[in-house]
């Protein structure tokens, strides 16, 4: 039985070589370690999608650095913009990624193995928060109608739900979340809505399916659910997501830690349990 594997990275926040994000963290080695971890997976993913905040400031040298760091990945890579990105510079820096289009929102629909990956652009130029206007939502509805008989994964940067991390919800998806949920609820072929922005693993029931975020391969948002929690990040373990769709089955999502660890070790030796 063939299983489709979709790899998800998010919030890589790459700076120019030698520059640190937030003046404290060099995100490039973290992404390099994540790429190495992905290439060590027992089964190679069919494709990878990066759900936004590819760079820290959307500068040409940052995207050039990102391209070099992603080069070892042995699969097609699909890029979405986040609030730290520049649509124009993404297109200029990745001209071979023709699915990015030439103007306007970066939205696309591509086949990945046995599923359809549909990417939504939630970015508001010059702002941290996200929005889904009627134009973007109408495009989604059309794409879902076109792929009514095919399992779908919707990818976007800003999650369409409250996370209870107050300072992040303040810059979350401030328009279009209810409308998106209504659209998703009418299309049972949507297996998952996968998002970034939160730098954490979070799952919510949404529109009859699951909406979820994944960790960053670098830094994580502090887990503090107090209403007045300060905006802060942590050097918690980095990670990425792996979404697996067996033929005729349901999508199963895993969160993996990036890095090198001892193992794997057998639970038994020669058929005998180890005491």
Foldseek 3Di string as FASTA:
>chain_A
DDKAKEWEAEQLAFDAPPQAVVRPHHSLVLLLLQQVQQVPDPDHHQEYEYAENLHQAADLRRLVSSCVSNVVRPHHYHYAYAQNHDLQSVCVNCVVNCQQPDDDHRWGWDDRVQAIETEFEQYDHPAQAGEDDPVRLVVVLVVLVVPLPGQYEYGHAFFLDDPLPQVQVVRGHPYDSVVNLVSLLVRVSHQEYEYESQQDWDWDDTNNHIYTYAHHSAKGFDPDNPNPDDGDIGRDFGWIKMWMGDVVGGIDMDIDTGDDDDDDDDCADPPHGDD
